[in-house]
Amino acid sequence: MKSLKKFLSSKSYVRIPLVLTETNHFEIVAKINGVSGRFILDTGASNTCVGMDKIDFFKMISEVSDIKAAGAGATEMETLVSSKNKIRIGDWKKGKQKIVLFDLIHVNEALTSHNSLPVDGIIGGDVLKKGKAVIDYDKKCLFLKNK
């Protein structure tokens, strides 16, 4: 039987390494609008998110949103939304990506209290679904399908 890596490669998937943190999260490097950042891979997050303090850093244009964010012990957080962003993870890329912006202080405080570095955002289920994601937990890598 073919290895998972070879099988997915034959189906136009790209392999992206993941880093397992002290908090047992997978961390990934991604580029948004050409700017590199650190992100948590979160299969339970419905949307890809970036901290509000990173709007200018990632060259994002934001608008008011009716979406209320919740997670990591916080609920009903105000958000903004940014549309038409370019996202690149390894050799996988997508244009016109909507990204939710909210205050990630509670997330980063939880990470740093467990000796992990803070992150710029969260790669959520929306991107994972678009990329037809396959996660190899044993080999600590993510596979995303190119067109």
Protein backbone atom coordinates (compact mmCIF):
# COMPACT_ATOMS: atom_id res chain seq x y z
CA MET A 1 0.00 0.00 0.00
CA LYS A 2 1.19 3.52 -0.82
CA SER A 3 2.15 5.84 1.99
CA LEU A 4 -0.32 8.61 2.79
CA LYS A 5 2.21 11.20 1.62
CA LYS A 6 2.67 9.53 -1.79
CA PHE A 7 -1.04 8.90 -2.23
CA LEU A 8 -2.03 12.51 -1.45
CA SER A 9 0.83 13.87 -3.54
CA SER A 10 -0.56 11.93 -6.51
CA LYS A 11 -3.90 13.67 -5.89
CA SER A 12 -2.34 17.21 -6.04
CA TYR A 13 -2.07 17.72 -2.28
CA VAL A 14 0.80 19.69 -0.78
CA ARG A 15 2.40 18.75 2.53
CA ILE A 16 2.82 21.39 5.24
CA PRO A 17 4.73 20.66 8.44
CA LEU A 18 3.05 21.31 11.78
CA VAL A 19 4.66 22.08 15.13
CA LEU A 20 3.11 20.61 18.28
CA THR A 21 3.18 23.18 21.09
CA GLU A 22 3.38 22.75 24.86
CA THR A 23 -0.39 23.29 24.93
CA ASN A 24 -0.90 20.35 22.55
CA HIS A 25 -1.99 22.64 19.68
CA PHE A 26 -0.64 22.38 16.17
CA GLU A 27 1.01 25.57 15.02
CA ILE A 28 1.52 26.54 11.40
CA VAL A 29 3.18 29.32 9.44
CA ALA A 30 0.91 31.04 6.92
CA LYS A 31 1.08 34.18 4.82
CA ILE A 32 -1.81 36.59 4.63
CA ASN A 33 -1.53 39.23 1.92
CA GLY A 34 2.15 38.32 1.55
CA VAL A 35 2.99 38.73 5.26
CA SER A 36 4.11 35.71 7.26
CA GLY A 37 2.59 34.90 10.64
CA ARG A 38 2.16 32.19 13.28
CA PHE A 39 -1.23 30.48 13.55
CA ILE A 40 -2.90 27.75 15.54
CA LEU A 41 -4.57 25.08 13.43
CA ASP A 42 -8.06 24.71 14.92
CA THR A 43 -10.45 22.20 13.39
CA GLY A 44 -13.12 23.36 15.84
CA ALA A 45 -12.98 27.00 14.77
CA SER A 46 -15.53 27.69 12.05
CA ASN A 47 -13.64 30.71 10.68
CA THR A 48 -10.05 31.69 10.13
CA CYS A 49 -9.27 34.57 12.49
CA VAL A 50 -6.59 37.19 13.03
CA GLY A 51 -6.05 39.38 16.06
CA MET A 52 -7.43 42.91 15.75
CA ASP A 53 -3.99 44.25 16.60
CA LYS A 54 -2.67 42.66 13.37
CA ILE A 55 -4.98 44.41 10.86
CA ASP A 56 -2.26 46.77 9.60
CA PHE A 57 0.48 44.13 9.92
CA PHE A 58 -1.35 41.83 7.47
CA LYS A 59 -2.47 44.74 5.22
CA MET A 60 -6.14 44.01 5.79
CA ILE A 61 -9.18 46.17 5.11
CA SER A 62 -11.85 45.59 7.72
CA GLU A 63 -15.53 46.33 8.11
CA VAL A 64 -18.04 45.98 10.92
CA SER A 65 -19.39 42.48 11.44
CA ASP A 66 -22.50 41.05 13.08
CA ILE A 67 -20.55 37.88 13.93
CA LYS A 68 -19.91 37.37 17.64
CA ALA A 69 -16.82 35.33 18.45
CA ALA A 70 -16.55 32.76 21.21
CA GLY A 71 -13.80 30.44 22.34
CA ALA A 72 -11.13 29.67 24.91
CA GLY A 73 -13.35 30.80 27.79
CA ALA A 74 -14.60 34.03 26.22
CA THR A 75 -17.98 34.63 24.60
CA GLU A 76 -19.85 37.36 22.72
CA MET A 77 -16.67 39.13 21.58
CA GLU A 78 -17.03 41.95 19.07
CA THR A 79 -15.55 41.24 15.65
CA LEU A 80 -14.66 42.84 12.37
CA VAL A 81 -14.45 41.04 9.05
CA SER A 82 -11.94 41.41 6.24
CA SER A 83 -12.74 40.07 2.77
CA LYS A 84 -10.65 39.43 -0.33
CA ASN A 85 -7.47 38.42 1.47
CA LYS A 86 -4.82 36.22 -0.08
CA ILE A 87 -3.75 33.29 2.08
CA ARG A 88 -0.79 31.01 1.48
CA ILE A 89 0.12 27.96 3.53
CA GLY A 90 3.21 26.26 2.19
CA ASP A 91 2.62 25.83 -1.55
CA TRP A 92 -1.17 26.04 -1.16
CA LYS A 93 -2.85 29.37 -1.80
CA LYS A 94 -6.29 30.88 -2.02
CA GLY A 95 -7.56 34.33 -2.95
CA LYS A 96 -10.70 36.12 -1.79
CA GLN A 97 -10.44 34.65 1.71
CA LYS A 98 -12.74 36.13 4.35
CA ILE A 99 -11.05 36.49 7.74
CA VAL A 100 -12.71 37.34 11.03
CA LEU A 101 -10.85 39.82 13.24
CA PHE A 102 -11.18 39.78 17.01
CA ASP A 103 -9.19 40.32 20.19
CA LEU A 104 -6.88 37.32 20.69
CA ILE A 105 -5.52 38.49 24.06
CA HIS A 106 -7.29 35.68 25.96
CA VAL A 107 -5.92 33.08 23.52
CA ASN A 108 -2.36 34.40 23.74
CA GLU A 109 -2.49 34.71 27.53
CA ALA A 110 -3.50 31.05 27.73
CA LEU A 111 -0.67 30.07 25.39
CA THR A 112 2.03 32.10 27.13
CA SER A 113 0.94 30.86 30.57
CA HIS A 114 1.83 27.37 29.30
CA ASN A 115 5.23 28.38 27.89
CA SER A 116 4.03 28.66 24.29
CA LEU A 117 4.60 31.67 22.09
CA PRO A 118 1.69 33.96 21.18
CA VAL A 119 0.08 33.61 17.75
CA ASP A 120 -1.18 36.04 15.13
CA GLY A 121 -4.34 34.09 14.46
CA ILE A 122 -6.19 30.83 13.94
CA ILE A 123 -6.54 28.77 10.78
CA GLY A 124 -10.11 27.50 10.99
CA GLY A 125 -12.46 25.05 9.36
CA ASP A 126 -13.28 27.37 6.46
CA VAL A 127 -9.73 27.17 5.09
CA LEU A 128 -9.41 23.49 5.98
CA LYS A 129 -12.61 22.73 4.10
CA LYS A 130 -11.56 24.75 1.03
CA GLY A 131 -8.24 22.90 1.01
CA LYS A 132 -9.89 19.49 1.53
CA ALA A 133 -7.52 19.14 4.48
CA VAL A 134 -6.04 15.90 5.70
CA ILE A 135 -4.15 15.99 8.99
CA ASP A 136 -1.56 13.34 9.74
CA TYR A 137 -1.29 13.55 13.51
CA ASP A 138 1.45 10.93 13.72
CA LYS A 139 3.74 12.64 11.20
CA LYS A 140 2.69 16.14 12.35
CA CYS A 141 1.76 17.49 8.95
CA LEU A 142 -1.18 18.99 7.10
CA PHE A 143 -2.09 18.21 3.50
CA LEU A 144 -4.06 20.71 1.43
CA LYS A 145 -5.31 20.07 -2.09
CA ASN A 146 -4.30 22.40 -4.90
CA LYS A 147 -6.78 22.87 -7.74
